[in-house]
Amino acid sequence: MSKTDDLSQSDSTLGVFVRGLLMGVAELVPGVSGGTIAFISGIYYRLIGALASFGPTSLTLLSHPRRFWLHHQLSFLMVLAAGMGVGILVFARLIGFMLDVAAPVLWAFFFGVIAASVYQIGVGRSARNLRIFGAVGAVLGFGFLSLPPQDFSGSLVALFFAGMVAVCAWILPGISGSFVLLLLGLYTDVIAAVNSIDLLFLAVLAGGCASGLLLFTRVLGWLLERYHDALLALLTGFMATALVKLWPWQALGTDQNPSSSGVFSYLRWPHEYAQGGDEAFLLLVMLAGCLGGLSVWLLSKFAQR
């Protein structure tokens, strides 16, 4: 069994499972992408290749189960999916609890994760591509953050198409599938469905995700093959704008009053946040941000082993 056909020694079952678990946790938080975790942990290109392998050829391999299994790297995909499932099921309640009790600490951890990821991905890009495509990515990112929230809750058809869109965001470094769900007014419904094991809701969402993956990953693989550095530079700029969404201290509830400064109007300094009656958790926020950045460094080192 070759390295490309199944789990290699360097990509052990446990290693892939842990990566999947981290990707699942990341997708629970708006602003953080599972694709980012895949990229910095060293499995991104393998993941894209495995997902893009599904197509017309797959039908011809159905009569040869072993060849079908190896061609699509199903051992890798199933272990990764299992890790993501466990991460989502186990940590959904913890994420919900943290959002209710100590939201700035949670946002700070992922702020550190994204800040370190921007550096990790951007440092390998050419200066020219960062100036051009990184700037375009930043403009697109701020446009994305400025989109007004919609409400598509209550419709299974809307949920299916939301899954298609969200999974495209999931597979791209720097674009959060959870944030797409938040914009569509479905994020709270998804978290509730996961916690209550709403099988119909989750099945429709999974169907949309699967359809989106089949349609999008082949296009993404083609783009990465031909415009690798430019595409990653664009995504670096896009990812950097997620730091605005993940700033630990943001206006909540009736304190939200958008002004001419757009998305920046929601940002607060710690003392301003505390004046609204909420705990700023300044020390814990600083520690969580450093821990988030450190976790990315450790994950990248683990990926190089």
C-alpha atoms as a PDB file:
ATOM      1  CA  MET A   1       0.000   0.000   0.000  1.00  0.00           C
ATOM      2  CA  SER A   2       1.585   3.258  -1.118  1.00  0.00           C
ATOM      3  CA  LYS A   3       1.808   6.479   0.842  1.00  0.00           C
ATOM      4  CA  THR A   4      -0.634   8.252  -1.461  1.00  0.00           C
ATOM      5  CA  ASP A   5      -3.139   5.426  -1.339  1.00  0.00           C
ATOM      6  CA  ASP A   6      -3.609   5.116   2.371  1.00  0.00           C
ATOM      7  CA  LEU A   7      -2.515   6.515   5.697  1.00  0.00           C
ATOM      8  CA  SER A   8       1.250   6.836   5.668  1.00  0.00           C
ATOM      9  CA  GLN A   9       3.492   6.438   8.651  1.00  0.00           C
ATOM     10  CA  SER A  10       3.918  10.212   8.975  1.00  0.00           C
ATOM     11  CA  ASP A  11       0.159  10.715   8.639  1.00  0.00           C
ATOM     12  CA  SER A  12      -0.775   8.076  11.218  1.00  0.00           C
ATOM     13  CA  THR A  13      -4.346   7.285  12.090  1.00  0.00           C
ATOM     14  CA  LEU A  14      -4.021   9.133  15.392  1.00  0.00           C
ATOM     15  CA  GLY A  15      -2.353  12.134  13.744  1.00  0.00           C
ATOM     16  CA  VAL A  16      -5.097  12.470  11.143  1.00  0.00           C
ATOM     17  CA  PHE A  17      -7.795  11.980  13.795  1.00  0.00           C
ATOM     18  CA  VAL A  18      -6.330  14.765  15.950  1.00  0.00           C
ATOM     19  CA  ARG A  19      -6.167  17.084  12.941  1.00  0.00           C
ATOM     20  CA  GLY A  20      -9.810  16.299  12.190  1.00  0.00           C
ATOM     21  CA  LEU A  21     -10.772  16.960  15.798  1.00  0.00           C
ATOM     22  CA  LEU A  22      -9.097  20.372  15.666  1.00  0.00           C
ATOM     23  CA  MET A  23     -10.794  21.149  12.349  1.00  0.00           C
ATOM     24  CA  GLY A  24     -14.171  20.276  13.878  1.00  0.00           C
ATOM     25  CA  VAL A  25     -13.556  22.536  16.867  1.00  0.00           C
ATOM     26  CA  ALA A  26     -12.411  25.371  14.574  1.00  0.00           C
ATOM     27  CA  GLU A  27     -15.574  25.179  12.499  1.00  0.00           C
ATOM     28  CA  LEU A  28     -17.709  25.746  15.590  1.00  0.00           C
ATOM     29  CA  VAL A  29     -16.373  29.290  15.914  1.00  0.00           C
ATOM     30  CA  PRO A  30     -17.403  31.965  13.380  1.00  0.00           C
ATOM     31  CA  GLY A  31     -14.265  33.450  11.841  1.00  0.00           C
ATOM     32  CA  VAL A  32     -12.083  30.325  12.045  1.00  0.00           C
ATOM     33  CA  SER A  33     -11.761  27.925   9.116  1.00  0.00           C
ATOM     34  CA  GLY A  34     -11.202  24.194   9.262  1.00  0.00           C
ATOM     35  CA  GLY A  35      -9.240  24.648   6.038  1.00  0.00           C
ATOM     36  CA  THR A  36      -6.788  26.838   7.955  1.00  0.00           C
ATOM     37  CA  ILE A  37      -6.160  24.037  10.456  1.00  0.00           C
ATOM     38  CA  ALA A  38      -5.704  21.560   7.602  1.00  0.00           C
ATOM     39  CA  PHE A  39      -3.206  23.886   5.928  1.00  0.00           C
ATOM     40  CA  ILE A  40      -0.997  24.593   8.927  1.00  0.00           C
ATOM     41  CA  SER A  41      -1.116  20.937  10.033  1.00  0.00           C
ATOM     42  CA  GLY A  42       0.228  19.733   6.687  1.00  0.00           C
ATOM     43  CA  ILE A  43      -2.729  17.790   5.240  1.00  0.00           C
ATOM     44  CA  TYR A  44      -4.404  20.465   3.112  1.00  0.00           C
ATOM     45  CA  TYR A  45      -3.196  19.354  -0.314  1.00  0.00           C
ATOM     46  CA  ARG A  46      -3.852  15.714   0.483  1.00  0.00           C
ATOM     47  CA  LEU A  47      -7.380  16.620   1.579  1.00  0.00           C
ATOM     48  CA  ILE A  48      -8.064  18.578  -1.618  1.00  0.00           C
ATOM     49  CA  GLY A  49      -6.641  15.758  -3.736  1.00  0.00           C
ATOM     50  CA  ALA A  50      -8.733  13.129  -1.985  1.00  0.00           C
ATOM     51  CA  LEU A  51     -11.960  15.118  -2.285  1.00  0.00           C
ATOM     52  CA  ALA A  52     -11.257  16.086  -5.900  1.00  0.00           C
ATOM     53  CA  SER A  53     -10.735  12.413  -6.812  1.00  0.00           C
ATOM     54  CA  PHE A  54     -14.502  11.859  -6.728  1.00  0.00           C
ATOM     55  CA  GLY A  55     -15.984  12.177 -10.198  1.00  0.00           C
ATOM     56  CA  PRO A  56     -17.067  10.155 -13.240  1.00  0.00           C
ATOM     57  CA  THR A  57     -14.116   7.797 -12.746  1.00  0.00           C
ATOM     58  CA  SER A  58     -15.535   6.825  -9.365  1.00  0.00           C
ATOM     59  CA  LEU A  59     -18.457   5.048 -11.063  1.00  0.00           C
ATOM     60  CA  THR A  60     -16.122   2.816 -13.071  1.00  0.00           C
ATOM     61  CA  LEU A  61     -14.321   1.778  -9.874  1.00  0.00           C
ATOM     62  CA  LEU A  62     -17.425   0.700  -7.969  1.00  0.00           C
ATOM     63  CA  SER A  63     -16.997  -2.866  -9.202  1.00  0.00           C
ATOM     64  CA  HIS A  64     -13.476  -2.901  -7.724  1.00  0.00           C
ATOM     65  CA  PRO A  65     -13.998  -2.027  -4.046  1.00  0.00           C
ATOM     66  CA  ARG A  66     -10.307  -2.083  -3.086  1.00  0.00           C
ATOM     67  CA  ARG A  67      -9.269   0.140  -5.997  1.00  0.00           C
ATOM     68  CA  PHE A  68     -12.192   2.458  -5.212  1.00  0.00           C
ATOM     69  CA  TRP A  69     -11.106   2.656  -1.572  1.00  0.00           C
ATOM     70  CA  LEU A  70      -7.463   3.387  -2.371  1.00  0.00           C
ATOM     71  CA  HIS A  71      -8.150   5.770  -5.262  1.00  0.00           C
ATOM     72  CA  HIS A  72     -10.272   8.019  -3.038  1.00  0.00           C
ATOM     73  CA  GLN A  73      -8.031   7.662   0.052  1.00  0.00           C
ATOM     74  CA  LEU A  74     -11.059   6.650   2.071  1.00  0.00           C
ATOM     75  CA  SER A  75      -9.028   5.570   5.115  1.00  0.00           C
ATOM     76  CA  PHE A  76      -7.666   9.110   5.348  1.00  0.00           C
ATOM     77  CA  LEU A  77     -11.051  10.763   4.744  1.00  0.00           C
ATOM     78  CA  MET A  78     -12.956   8.548   7.161  1.00  0.00           C
ATOM     79  CA  VAL A  79     -10.474   9.024  10.004  1.00  0.00           C
ATOM     80  CA  LEU A  80     -10.454  12.785   9.370  1.00  0.00           C
ATOM     81  CA  ALA A  81     -14.275  12.879   9.279  1.00  0.00           C
ATOM     82  CA  ALA A  82     -14.459  10.854  12.492  1.00  0.00           C
ATOM     83  CA  GLY A  83     -12.131  13.331  14.203  1.00  0.00           C
ATOM     84  CA  MET A  84     -14.232  16.256  13.003  1.00  0.00           C
ATOM     85  CA  GLY A  85     -17.422  14.581  14.180  1.00  0.00           C
ATOM     86  CA  VAL A  86     -15.993  13.957  17.637  1.00  0.00           C
ATOM     87  CA  GLY A  87     -14.644  17.507  17.824  1.00  0.00           C
ATOM     88  CA  ILE A  88     -18.032  18.975  16.945  1.00  0.00           C
ATOM     89  CA  LEU A  89     -20.065  16.715  19.235  1.00  0.00           C
ATOM     90  CA  VAL A  90     -17.729  16.957  22.233  1.00  0.00           C
ATOM     91  CA  PHE A  91     -16.881  20.639  22.044  1.00  0.00           C
ATOM     92  CA  ALA A  92     -20.156  22.180  20.816  1.00  0.00           C
ATOM     93  CA  ARG A  93     -21.433  22.521  24.392  1.00  0.00           C
ATOM     94  CA  LEU A  94     -18.090  23.875  25.608  1.00  0.00           C
ATOM     95  CA  ILE A  95     -18.010  26.471  22.822  1.00  0.00           C
ATOM     96  CA  GLY A  96     -21.587  27.462  23.645  1.00  0.00           C
ATOM     97  CA  PHE A  97     -20.714  27.715  27.332  1.00  0.00           C
ATOM     98  CA  MET A  98     -17.649  29.857  26.654  1.00  0.00           C
ATOM     99  CA  LEU A  99     -19.642  32.165  24.377  1.00  0.00           C
ATOM    100  CA  ASP A 100     -22.135  32.693  27.198  1.00  0.00           C
ATOM    101  CA  VAL A 101     -19.709  32.973  30.118  1.00  0.00           C
ATOM    102  CA  ALA A 102     -16.333  34.202  28.841  1.00  0.00           C
ATOM    103  CA  ALA A 103     -16.680  35.086  25.158  1.00  0.00           C
ATOM    104  CA  PRO A 104     -13.610  37.421  25.033  1.00  0.00           C
ATOM    105  CA  VAL A 105     -11.349  34.556  26.169  1.00  0.00           C
ATOM    106  CA  LEU A 106     -12.635  32.257  23.426  1.00  0.00           C
ATOM    107  CA  TRP A 107     -12.347  34.951  20.748  1.00  0.00           C
ATOM    108  CA  ALA A 108      -8.818  35.764  21.957  1.00  0.00           C
ATOM    109  CA  PHE A 109      -7.654  32.172  21.570  1.00  0.00           C
ATOM    110  CA  PHE A 110      -8.858  32.033  17.981  1.00  0.00           C
ATOM    111  CA  PHE A 111      -7.561  35.547  17.337  1.00  0.00           C
ATOM    112  CA  GLY A 112      -4.127  34.161  18.197  1.00  0.00           C
ATOM    113  CA  VAL A 113      -4.735  31.130  15.978  1.00  0.00           C
ATOM    114  CA  ILE A 114      -5.654  33.244  12.942  1.00  0.00           C
ATOM    115  CA  ALA A 115      -2.896  35.842  13.517  1.00  0.00           C
ATOM    116  CA  ALA A 116      -0.267  33.091  13.611  1.00  0.00           C
ATOM    117  CA  SER A 117      -1.871  31.358  10.618  1.00  0.00           C
ATOM    118  CA  VAL A 118      -1.752  34.560   8.557  1.00  0.00           C
ATOM    119  CA  TYR A 119       1.971  34.705   9.226  1.00  0.00           C
ATOM    120  CA  GLN A 120       2.480  30.984   8.534  1.00  0.00           C
ATOM    121  CA  ILE A 121       0.713  31.106   5.168  1.00  0.00           C
ATOM    122  CA  GLY A 122       1.811  34.597   4.132  1.00  0.00           C
ATOM    123  CA  VAL A 123       5.520  34.183   4.890  1.00  0.00           C
ATOM    124  CA  GLY A 124       5.920  31.727   2.017  1.00  0.00           C
ATOM    125  CA  ARG A 125       4.301  33.947  -0.595  1.00  0.00           C
ATOM    126  CA  SER A 126       6.158  36.307  -2.900  1.00  0.00           C
ATOM    127  CA  ALA A 127       6.165  39.997  -1.962  1.00  0.00           C
ATOM    128  CA  ARG A 128       4.616  40.911  -5.312  1.00  0.00           C
ATOM    129  CA  ASN A 129       1.692  38.514  -4.928  1.00  0.00           C
ATOM    130  CA  LEU A 130       1.085  39.675  -1.361  1.00  0.00           C
ATOM    131  CA  ARG A 131       0.968  43.300  -2.494  1.00  0.00           C
ATOM    132  CA  ILE A 132      -1.436  42.594  -5.332  1.00  0.00           C
ATOM    133  CA  PHE A 133      -3.501  39.537  -4.479  1.00  0.00           C
ATOM    134  CA  GLY A 134      -3.198  39.950  -0.711  1.00  0.00           C
ATOM    135  CA  ALA A 135      -4.674  43.431  -1.042  1.00  0.00           C
ATOM    136  CA  VAL A 136      -7.491  42.093  -3.227  1.00  0.00           C
ATOM    137  CA  GLY A 137      -8.161  39.402  -0.630  1.00  0.00           C
ATOM    138  CA  ALA A 138      -8.330  42.015   2.137  1.00  0.00           C
ATOM    139  CA  VAL A 139     -10.825  44.109   0.153  1.00  0.00           C
ATOM    140  CA  LEU A 140     -12.967  41.022  -0.516  1.00  0.00           C
ATOM    141  CA  GLY A 141     -12.699  40.042   3.146  1.00  0.00           C
ATOM    142  CA  PHE A 142     -13.944  43.392   4.413  1.00  0.00           C
ATOM    143  CA  GLY A 143     -16.754  43.233   1.871  1.00  0.00           C
ATOM    144  CA  PHE A 144     -17.650  39.779   3.156  1.00  0.00           C
ATOM    145  CA  LEU A 145     -17.643  40.989   6.780  1.00  0.00           C
ATOM    146  CA  SER A 146     -19.857  43.925   5.829  1.00  0.00           C
ATOM    147  CA  LEU A 147     -22.638  41.756   4.388  1.00  0.00           C
ATOM    148  CA  PRO A 148     -25.862  42.230   6.361  1.00  0.00           C
ATOM    149  CA  PRO A 149     -27.082  39.126   8.218  1.00  0.00           C
ATOM    150  CA  GLN A 150     -30.029  37.276   6.691  1.00  0.00           C
ATOM    151  CA  ASP A 151     -32.505  34.820   8.183  1.00  0.00           C
ATOM    152  CA  PHE A 152     -32.905  31.510   6.349  1.00  0.00           C
ATOM    153  CA  SER A 153     -33.883  29.514   9.431  1.00  0.00           C
ATOM    154  CA  GLY A 154     -36.934  27.296   9.218  1.00  0.00           C
ATOM    155  CA  SER A 155     -36.383  26.166   5.619  1.00  0.00           C
ATOM    156  CA  LEU A 156     -34.770  22.808   4.867  1.00  0.00           C
ATOM    157  CA  VAL A 157     -34.184  23.871   1.247  1.00  0.00           C
ATOM    158  CA  ALA A 158     -32.330  26.969   2.426  1.00  0.00           C
ATOM    159  CA  LEU A 159     -30.418  24.780   4.881  1.00  0.00           C
ATOM    160  CA  PHE A 160     -29.272  22.493   2.042  1.00  0.00           C
ATOM    161  CA  PHE A 161     -27.922  25.386  -0.027  1.00  0.00           C
ATOM    162  CA  ALA A 162     -26.431  26.989   3.074  1.00  0.00           C
ATOM    163  CA  GLY A 163     -24.497  23.752   3.598  1.00  0.00           C
ATOM    164  CA  MET A 164     -23.179  23.957   0.022  1.00  0.00           C
ATOM    165  CA  VAL A 165     -21.942  27.507   0.562  1.00  0.00           C
ATOM    166  CA  ALA A 166     -20.588  26.887   4.061  1.00  0.00           C
ATOM    167  CA  VAL A 167     -18.547  23.854   3.033  1.00  0.00           C
ATOM    168  CA  CYS A 168     -16.863  25.909   0.302  1.00  0.00           C
ATOM    169  CA  ALA A 169     -15.846  28.326   3.034  1.00  0.00           C
ATOM    170  CA  TRP A 170     -14.749  25.415   5.227  1.00  0.00           C
ATOM    171  CA  ILE A 171     -12.309  24.070   2.648  1.00  0.00           C
ATOM    172  CA  LEU A 172     -10.673  27.450   1.994  1.00  0.00           C
ATOM    173  CA  PRO A 173      -8.039  28.648   4.474  1.00  0.00           C
ATOM    174  CA  GLY A 174      -9.271  31.816   6.147  1.00  0.00           C
ATOM    175  CA  ILE A 175     -12.963  31.638   5.271  1.00  0.00           C
ATOM    176  CA  SER A 176     -15.173  30.305   8.032  1.00  0.00           C
ATOM    177  CA  GLY A 177     -18.118  28.042   7.295  1.00  0.00           C
ATOM    178  CA  SER A 178     -19.576  28.983  10.679  1.00  0.00           C
ATOM    179  CA  PHE A 179     -19.428  32.662   9.758  1.00  0.00           C
ATOM    180  CA  VAL A 180     -21.354  31.917   6.553  1.00  0.00           C
ATOM    181  CA  LEU A 181     -23.991  30.162   8.659  1.00  0.00           C
ATOM    182  CA  LEU A 182     -24.025  33.176  10.984  1.00  0.00           C
ATOM    183  CA  LEU A 183     -24.651  35.515   8.043  1.00  0.00           C
ATOM    184  CA  LEU A 184     -27.490  33.265   6.888  1.00  0.00           C
ATOM    185  CA  GLY A 185     -29.088  33.235  10.339  1.00  0.00           C
ATOM    186  CA  LEU A 186     -28.494  29.494  10.757  1.00  0.00           C
ATOM    187  CA  TYR A 187     -25.543  29.326  13.153  1.00  0.00           C
ATOM    188  CA  THR A 188     -27.616  29.094  16.350  1.00  0.00           C
ATOM    189  CA  ASP A 189     -29.890  26.489  14.729  1.00  0.00           C
ATOM    190  CA  VAL A 190     -26.895  24.354  13.733  1.00  0.00           C
ATOM    191  CA  ILE A 191     -25.365  24.457  17.226  1.00  0.00           C
ATOM    192  CA  ALA A 192     -28.756  23.547  18.731  1.00  0.00           C
ATOM    193  CA  ALA A 193     -29.193  20.696  16.225  1.00  0.00           C
ATOM    194  CA  VAL A 194     -25.768  19.296  17.081  1.00  0.00           C
ATOM    195  CA  ASN A 195     -26.457  19.449  20.817  1.00  0.00           C
ATOM    196  CA  SER A 196     -29.914  17.857  20.457  1.00  0.00           C
ATOM    197  CA  ILE A 197     -28.854  15.365  17.724  1.00  0.00           C
ATOM    198  CA  ASP A 198     -31.570  16.556  15.308  1.00  0.00           C
ATOM    199  CA  LEU A 199     -31.018  13.876  12.635  1.00  0.00           C
ATOM    200  CA  LEU A 200     -33.242  15.383   9.922  1.00  0.00           C
ATOM    201  CA  PHE A 201     -31.665  18.824  10.249  1.00  0.00           C
ATOM    202  CA  LEU A 202     -28.141  17.403  10.297  1.00  0.00           C
ATOM    203  CA  ALA A 203     -28.830  15.053   7.359  1.00  0.00           C
ATOM    204  CA  VAL A 204     -30.046  17.925   5.156  1.00  0.00           C
ATOM    205  CA  LEU A 205     -27.045  20.030   6.155  1.00  0.00           C
ATOM    206  CA  ALA A 206     -24.683  17.120   5.464  1.00  0.00           C
ATOM    207  CA  GLY A 207     -26.269  16.580   2.054  1.00  0.00           C
ATOM    208  CA  GLY A 208     -25.659  20.206   1.144  1.00  0.00           C
ATOM    209  CA  CYS A 209     -22.080  19.973   2.375  1.00  0.00           C
ATOM    210  CA  ALA A 210     -21.405  16.822   0.363  1.00  0.00           C
ATOM    211  CA  SER A 211     -22.839  18.387  -2.800  1.00  0.00           C
ATOM    212  CA  GLY A 212     -20.772  21.531  -2.296  1.00  0.00           C
ATOM    213  CA  LEU A 213     -17.593  19.513  -1.814  1.00  0.00           C
ATOM    214  CA  LEU A 214     -18.107  17.533  -5.024  1.00  0.00           C
ATOM    215  CA  LEU A 215     -18.701  20.696  -7.034  1.00  0.00           C
ATOM    216  CA  PHE A 216     -16.050  22.932  -5.485  1.00  0.00           C
ATOM    217  CA  THR A 217     -12.981  20.840  -4.687  1.00  0.00           C
ATOM    218  CA  ARG A 218     -12.173  20.005  -8.313  1.00  0.00           C
ATOM    219  CA  VAL A 219     -12.228  23.707  -9.184  1.00  0.00           C
ATOM    220  CA  LEU A 220     -10.088  24.514  -6.151  1.00  0.00           C
ATOM    221  CA  GLY A 221      -7.594  21.777  -7.036  1.00  0.00           C
ATOM    222  CA  TRP A 222      -7.291  23.199 -10.559  1.00  0.00           C
ATOM    223  CA  LEU A 223      -6.710  26.713  -9.211  1.00  0.00           C
ATOM    224  CA  LEU A 224      -4.086  25.542  -6.713  1.00  0.00           C
ATOM    225  CA  GLU A 225      -2.251  23.637  -9.424  1.00  0.00           C
ATOM    226  CA  ARG A 226      -2.031  26.630 -11.761  1.00  0.00           C
ATOM    227  CA  TYR A 227      -2.165  29.698  -9.502  1.00  0.00           C
ATOM    228  CA  HIS A 228      -0.843  28.346  -6.214  1.00  0.00           C
ATOM    229  CA  ASP A 229       1.111  31.319  -4.875  1.00  0.00           C
ATOM    230  CA  ALA A 230      -1.363  33.952  -6.088  1.00  0.00           C
ATOM    231  CA  LEU A 231      -4.343  32.090  -4.633  1.00  0.00           C
ATOM    232  CA  LEU A 232      -2.689  31.631  -1.238  1.00  0.00           C
ATOM    233  CA  ALA A 233      -1.655  35.292  -1.206  1.00  0.00           C
ATOM    234  CA  LEU A 234      -5.276  36.261  -1.860  1.00  0.00           C
ATOM    235  CA  LEU A 235      -6.447  33.946   0.923  1.00  0.00           C
ATOM    236  CA  THR A 236      -3.811  35.419   3.260  1.00  0.00           C
ATOM    237  CA  GLY A 237      -5.336  38.861   2.793  1.00  0.00           C
ATOM    238  CA  PHE A 238      -8.827  37.442   3.202  1.00  0.00           C
ATOM    239  CA  MET A 239      -7.826  35.574   6.346  1.00  0.00           C
ATOM    240  CA  ALA A 240      -6.292  38.698   7.901  1.00  0.00           C
ATOM    241  CA  THR A 241      -9.702  40.389   7.833  1.00  0.00           C
ATOM    242  CA  ALA A 242     -11.089  37.607  10.052  1.00  0.00           C
ATOM    243  CA  LEU A 243      -9.091  39.202  12.886  1.00  0.00           C
ATOM    244  CA  VAL A 244     -11.699  41.977  12.918  1.00  0.00           C
ATOM    245  CA  LYS A 245     -14.439  39.418  13.528  1.00  0.00           C
ATOM    246  CA  LEU A 246     -12.360  37.718  16.231  1.00  0.00           C
ATOM    247  CA  TRP A 247     -11.354  40.828  18.178  1.00  0.00           C
ATOM    248  CA  PRO A 248     -12.079  39.770  21.785  1.00  0.00           C
ATOM    249  CA  TRP A 249     -14.068  42.826  22.871  1.00  0.00           C
ATOM    250  CA  GLN A 250     -17.009  43.629  20.624  1.00  0.00           C
ATOM    251  CA  ALA A 251     -20.322  45.406  21.116  1.00  0.00           C
ATOM    252  CA  LEU A 252     -23.148  43.107  22.105  1.00  0.00           C
ATOM    253  CA  GLY A 253     -26.930  43.323  21.898  1.00  0.00           C
ATOM    254  CA  THR A 254     -28.339  46.815  22.212  1.00  0.00           C
ATOM    255  CA  ASP A 255     -24.792  48.208  22.419  1.00  0.00           C
ATOM    256  CA  GLN A 256     -24.411  47.558  18.709  1.00  0.00           C
ATOM    257  CA  ASN A 257     -24.678  50.817  16.829  1.00  0.00           C
ATOM    258  CA  PRO A 258     -23.061  50.613  13.385  1.00  0.00           C
ATOM    259  CA  SER A 259     -21.617  53.911  12.218  1.00  0.00           C
ATOM    260  CA  SER A 260     -19.684  55.141   9.220  1.00  0.00           C
ATOM    261  CA  SER A 261     -16.739  53.017  10.338  1.00  0.00           C
ATOM    262  CA  GLY A 262     -18.652  49.865   9.344  1.00  0.00           C
ATOM    263  CA  VAL A 263     -17.396  46.601  10.867  1.00  0.00           C
ATOM    264  CA  PHE A 264     -14.910  48.531  13.029  1.00  0.00           C
ATOM    265  CA  SER A 265     -17.768  50.257  14.850  1.00  0.00           C
ATOM    266  CA  TYR A 266     -18.382  47.037  16.821  1.00  0.00           C
ATOM    267  CA  LEU A 267     -14.843  46.903  18.219  1.00  0.00           C
ATOM    268  CA  ARG A 268     -14.190  48.008  21.786  1.00  0.00           C
ATOM    269  CA  TRP A 269     -11.174  48.528  23.994  1.00  0.00           C
ATOM    270  CA  PRO A 270     -11.220  46.437  27.189  1.00  0.00           C
ATOM    271  CA  HIS A 271     -12.265  49.334  29.426  1.00  0.00           C
ATOM    272  CA  GLU A 272     -15.069  50.297  27.018  1.00  0.00           C
ATOM    273  CA  TYR A 273     -16.279  46.703  26.969  1.00  0.00           C
ATOM    274  CA  ALA A 274     -16.244  46.576  30.777  1.00  0.00           C
ATOM    275  CA  GLN A 275     -18.258  49.810  30.964  1.00  0.00           C
ATOM    276  CA  GLY A 276     -21.134  47.918  29.355  1.00  0.00           C
ATOM    277  CA  GLY A 277     -21.317  45.670  32.411  1.00  0.00           C
ATOM    278  CA  ASP A 278     -19.416  42.691  30.944  1.00  0.00           C
ATOM    279  CA  GLU A 279     -16.192  41.229  32.305  1.00  0.00           C
ATOM    280  CA  ALA A 280     -13.218  42.030  30.026  1.00  0.00           C
ATOM    281  CA  PHE A 281     -11.034  39.133  31.303  1.00  0.00           C
ATOM    282  CA  LEU A 282      -7.942  41.139  30.279  1.00  0.00           C
ATOM    283  CA  LEU A 283      -5.289  38.793  31.686  1.00  0.00           C
ATOM    284  CA  LEU A 284      -7.048  35.643  30.501  1.00  0.00           C
ATOM    285  CA  VAL A 285      -7.542  37.195  27.066  1.00  0.00           C
ATOM    286  CA  MET A 286      -3.832  37.929  26.732  1.00  0.00           C
ATOM    287  CA  LEU A 287      -2.943  34.395  27.847  1.00  0.00           C
ATOM    288  CA  ALA A 288      -5.514  32.850  25.513  1.00  0.00           C
ATOM    289  CA  GLY A 289      -4.224  34.867  22.541  1.00  0.00           C
ATOM    290  CA  CYS A 290      -0.651  33.725  23.207  1.00  0.00           C
ATOM    291  CA  LEU A 291      -1.837  30.148  23.650  1.00  0.00           C
ATOM    292  CA  GLY A 292      -3.665  30.316  20.310  1.00  0.00           C
ATOM    293  CA  GLY A 293      -0.540  31.511  18.517  1.00  0.00           C
ATOM    294  CA  LEU A 294       1.582  28.898  20.292  1.00  0.00           C
ATOM    295  CA  SER A 295      -0.834  26.138  19.300  1.00  0.00           C
ATOM    296  CA  VAL A 296      -0.394  27.048  15.618  1.00  0.00           C
ATOM    297  CA  TRP A 297       3.400  26.947  15.986  1.00  0.00           C
ATOM    298  CA  LEU A 298       3.228  23.561  17.712  1.00  0.00           C
ATOM    299  CA  LEU A 299       0.807  22.236  15.105  1.00  0.00           C
ATOM    300  CA  SER A 300       3.091  23.326  12.259  1.00  0.00           C
ATOM    301  CA  LYS A 301       6.058  21.655  13.982  1.00  0.00           C
ATOM    302  CA  PHE A 302       4.004  18.507  14.453  1.00  0.00           C
ATOM    303  CA  ALA A 303       3.139  18.551  10.745  1.00  0.00           C
ATOM    304  CA  GLN A 304       6.832  18.638   9.792  1.00  0.00           C
ATOM    305  CA  ARG A 305       7.608  15.442  11.701  1.00  0.00           C
END
